Amino acid sequence: MAKQLQSRKIAVLISNGFNENEFLSIQKAMLAEGASLRIVSTDSGLVNGWDGKGWGHNFAIDAQLNSALGIDYDAVIIPGGQRSLDKLKLTAHSRRFIGSFLAAMKPVICMGDAVQLLAQTDHVTGKTVAGPEAKRAMAETAGGVWSEAGMATDGLLLTGDVEGDKLSAFVATAVEMMVGSASPLKQAA
């Protein structure tokens, strides 16, 4: 069977303290379809995951956020992890980078509490979003429309709660979205 995301270059926007389980789940699924994932970060050299109880593994950074351009990637994935999100919200480069994908109508996949980064970078206004209930007020205050479904797709923006058994369904939906955006009709548009 042909890998449906062959030659697709996907940015993973993270900083130290990202949710390692979310990252590894979506990384495995995207790699299985042939996608090439590149880590974009505020940090330099290595970025350290958080495995829920403590620091996890280190991953090599492919590009610095301050010089990364959305035009170089086909999509962006933002795993959750409060430590990571707190660092990403502090730089205007996060707003610029995420905004470039939304403006170019490229897939933006926000896992779990990463929906808060959309709100904090002014990218949620008028969009239907979902995620952990604890992020609802923040998203609505920033102008987002909250979905009770637990997962929301608004064009090529995918957000949702990924706690427990919801993670595998979210990852499957993310892969479907990426495969759909890679179709010849989408690329020709």
Protein backbone atom coordinates (compact mmCIF):
# COMPACT_ATOMS: atom_id res chain seq x y z
CA MET A 1 0.00 0.00 0.00
CA ALA A 2 1.34 3.42 -0.97
CA LYS A 3 2.12 5.85 1.79
CA GLN A 4 -0.38 8.65 1.33
CA LEU A 5 1.68 11.44 2.89
CA GLN A 6 4.93 10.74 1.06
CA SER A 7 6.90 13.99 0.53
CA ARG A 8 4.70 15.96 2.97
CA LYS A 9 6.79 18.06 5.35
CA ILE A 10 5.04 18.75 8.65
CA ALA A 11 6.21 21.17 11.34
CA VAL A 12 5.75 20.16 14.98
CA LEU A 13 5.69 23.33 17.10
CA ILE A 14 6.94 22.56 20.61
CA SER A 15 9.07 23.84 23.46
CA ASN A 16 10.50 22.13 26.55
CA GLY A 17 7.73 20.41 28.49
CA PHE A 18 5.53 19.38 25.56
CA ASN A 19 3.26 16.38 26.06
CA GLU A 20 5.50 13.53 24.92
CA ASN A 21 2.70 10.96 24.67
CA GLU A 22 0.68 13.17 22.32
CA PHE A 23 3.74 13.90 20.20
CA LEU A 24 4.81 10.26 19.91
CA SER A 25 1.28 9.08 19.04
CA ILE A 26 0.83 11.51 16.17
CA GLN A 27 4.46 11.19 15.06
CA LYS A 28 4.10 7.40 14.70
CA ALA A 29 0.88 7.74 12.69
CA MET A 30 2.23 10.43 10.36
CA LEU A 31 5.52 8.59 9.77
CA ALA A 32 3.58 5.41 8.97
CA GLU A 33 1.93 7.34 6.12
CA GLY A 34 5.30 8.62 4.85
CA ALA A 35 5.21 12.17 6.21
CA SER A 36 8.41 13.91 7.24
CA LEU A 37 8.12 15.67 10.62
CA ARG A 38 10.37 18.58 11.56
CA ILE A 39 10.58 19.99 15.09
CA VAL A 40 10.31 23.78 15.27
CA SER A 41 11.01 25.25 18.70
CA THR A 42 11.86 28.31 20.75
CA ASP A 43 14.60 26.21 22.29
CA SER A 44 17.88 25.33 20.61
CA GLY A 45 19.67 22.02 20.17
CA LEU A 46 17.36 19.64 22.00
CA VAL A 47 13.84 19.90 23.33
CA ASN A 48 12.68 17.83 26.30
CA GLY A 49 9.28 16.17 26.54
CA TRP A 50 7.14 15.72 29.64
CA ASP A 51 5.79 12.20 30.12
CA GLY A 52 3.08 13.05 32.66
CA LYS A 53 5.15 12.41 35.78
CA GLY A 54 8.49 13.89 34.92
CA TRP A 55 10.85 14.83 32.16
CA GLY A 56 10.84 12.46 29.23
CA HIS A 57 13.10 12.10 26.22
CA ASN A 58 15.11 14.70 24.35
CA PHE A 59 14.44 15.35 20.67
CA ALA A 60 16.66 17.21 18.21
CA ILE A 61 15.33 20.52 16.94
CA ASP A 62 15.25 20.99 13.18
CA ALA A 63 14.48 24.73 13.08
CA GLN A 64 14.36 27.71 15.42
CA LEU A 65 10.93 29.31 15.64
CA ASN A 66 12.36 32.81 15.22
CA SER A 67 13.56 31.97 11.69
CA ALA A 68 11.10 29.23 10.63
CA LEU A 69 8.66 30.03 7.83
CA GLY A 70 5.30 28.39 7.32
CA ILE A 71 5.84 28.35 3.57
CA ASP A 72 8.50 25.66 4.10
CA TYR A 73 5.95 23.20 5.54
CA ASP A 74 2.71 21.57 4.43
CA ALA A 75 1.07 21.60 7.89
CA VAL A 76 1.73 22.27 11.57
CA ILE A 77 1.00 20.06 14.57
CA ILE A 78 0.95 21.56 18.08
CA PRO A 79 0.98 18.97 20.88
CA GLY A 80 -0.24 20.05 24.30
CA GLY A 81 1.79 20.40 27.45
CA GLN A 82 1.40 23.44 29.69
CA ARG A 83 5.12 24.11 30.08
CA SER A 84 5.59 24.14 26.30
CA LEU A 85 2.52 26.29 25.65
CA ASP A 86 3.57 28.81 28.31
CA LYS A 87 6.88 29.32 26.47
CA LEU A 88 5.34 29.43 22.99
CA LYS A 89 2.80 32.10 23.96
CA LEU A 90 5.59 34.46 25.04
CA THR A 91 6.95 35.03 21.55
CA ALA A 92 5.35 36.88 18.64
CA HIS A 93 6.94 34.28 16.38
CA SER A 94 4.28 31.76 17.49
CA ARG A 95 1.54 34.08 16.27
CA ARG A 96 3.35 34.67 12.97
CA PHE A 97 4.12 31.00 12.39
CA ILE A 98 0.62 29.67 13.19
CA GLY A 99 -0.99 32.53 11.28
CA SER A 100 0.97 31.70 8.14
CA PHE A 101 -0.61 28.22 8.02
CA LEU A 102 -4.13 29.53 8.62
CA ALA A 103 -3.70 32.26 5.98
CA ALA A 104 -2.39 29.74 3.43
CA MET A 105 -5.23 27.31 4.27
CA LYS A 106 -2.82 24.59 5.35
CA PRO A 107 -3.71 22.06 8.08
CA VAL A 108 -3.27 23.21 11.69
CA ILE A 109 -3.64 20.42 14.26
CA CYS A 110 -3.88 21.48 17.92
CA MET A 111 -3.85 18.59 20.36
CA GLY A 112 -5.63 18.89 23.72
CA ASP A 113 -4.72 22.00 25.67
CA ALA A 114 -2.87 23.46 22.65
CA VAL A 115 -6.19 25.12 21.77
CA GLN A 116 -5.18 27.74 24.34
CA LEU A 117 -2.23 28.77 22.14
CA LEU A 118 -4.67 29.59 19.34
CA ALA A 119 -6.60 31.80 21.77
CA GLN A 120 -3.48 33.45 23.17
CA THR A 121 -2.13 34.24 19.69
CA ASP A 122 -5.47 35.65 18.44
CA HIS A 123 -6.16 32.81 15.98
CA VAL A 124 -9.44 31.48 17.37
CA THR A 125 -11.88 34.30 16.57
CA GLY A 126 -14.92 32.96 14.74
CA LYS A 127 -13.53 29.43 14.55
CA THR A 128 -15.21 26.34 15.97
CA VAL A 129 -12.83 24.69 18.43
CA ALA A 130 -12.77 21.96 21.06
CA GLY A 131 -10.42 20.70 23.72
CA PRO A 132 -10.30 20.09 27.45
CA GLU A 133 -13.24 21.73 29.23
CA ALA A 134 -10.75 23.77 31.30
CA LYS A 135 -9.80 25.70 28.13
CA ARG A 136 -13.37 26.53 27.10
CA ALA A 137 -13.63 29.94 28.81
CA MET A 138 -10.31 31.07 27.35
CA ALA A 139 -11.33 30.05 23.83
CA GLU A 140 -14.76 31.67 24.08
CA THR A 141 -13.33 34.89 25.56
CA ALA A 142 -10.96 35.07 22.58
CA GLY A 143 -13.92 34.79 20.19
CA GLY A 144 -13.96 31.07 19.47
CA VAL A 145 -17.09 28.98 19.14
CA TRP A 146 -16.84 26.01 21.51
CA SER A 147 -17.92 22.58 20.27
CA GLU A 148 -19.42 20.14 22.75
CA ALA A 149 -18.38 17.23 20.49
CA GLY A 150 -14.92 16.93 22.04
CA MET A 151 -13.26 17.32 18.64
CA ALA A 152 -13.83 20.07 16.07
CA THR A 153 -12.82 20.56 12.47
CA ASP A 154 -13.15 24.08 11.08
CA GLY A 155 -11.81 24.01 7.53
CA LEU A 156 -8.27 22.66 7.93
CA LEU A 157 -8.12 23.49 11.66
CA LEU A 158 -8.44 20.45 13.93
CA THR A 159 -8.74 20.84 17.70
CA GLY A 160 -9.93 18.47 20.38
CA ASP A 161 -9.59 16.76 23.69
CA VAL A 162 -7.01 13.94 23.59
CA GLU A 163 -7.25 12.59 27.13
CA GLY A 164 -7.22 8.82 27.54
CA ASP A 165 -8.95 6.85 24.80
CA LYS A 166 -9.75 10.05 22.83
CA LEU A 167 -6.13 10.31 21.66
CA SER A 168 -6.31 7.48 19.11
CA ALA A 169 -9.51 8.87 17.53
CA PHE A 170 -7.96 12.34 17.34
CA VAL A 171 -4.79 11.01 15.70
CA ALA A 172 -6.84 9.02 13.16
CA THR A 173 -8.83 12.16 12.30
CA ALA A 174 -5.60 14.17 11.96
CA VAL A 175 -4.18 11.61 9.52
CA GLU A 176 -7.44 11.66 7.50
CA MET A 177 -7.28 15.46 7.36
CA MET A 178 -3.69 15.38 6.16
CA VAL A 179 -4.43 12.75 3.51
CA GLY A 180 -7.44 14.78 2.32
CA SER A 181 -5.39 17.99 2.11
CA ALA A 182 -2.73 16.15 0.11
CA SER A 183 -5.13 15.10 -2.66
CA PRO A 184 -4.29 16.34 -6.18
CA LEU A 185 -7.42 18.53 -6.25
CA LYS A 186 -6.37 20.33 -3.06
CA GLN A 187 -2.81 20.83 -4.28
CA ALA A 188 -3.98 22.26 -7.62
CA ALA A 189 -6.25 24.81 -5.91
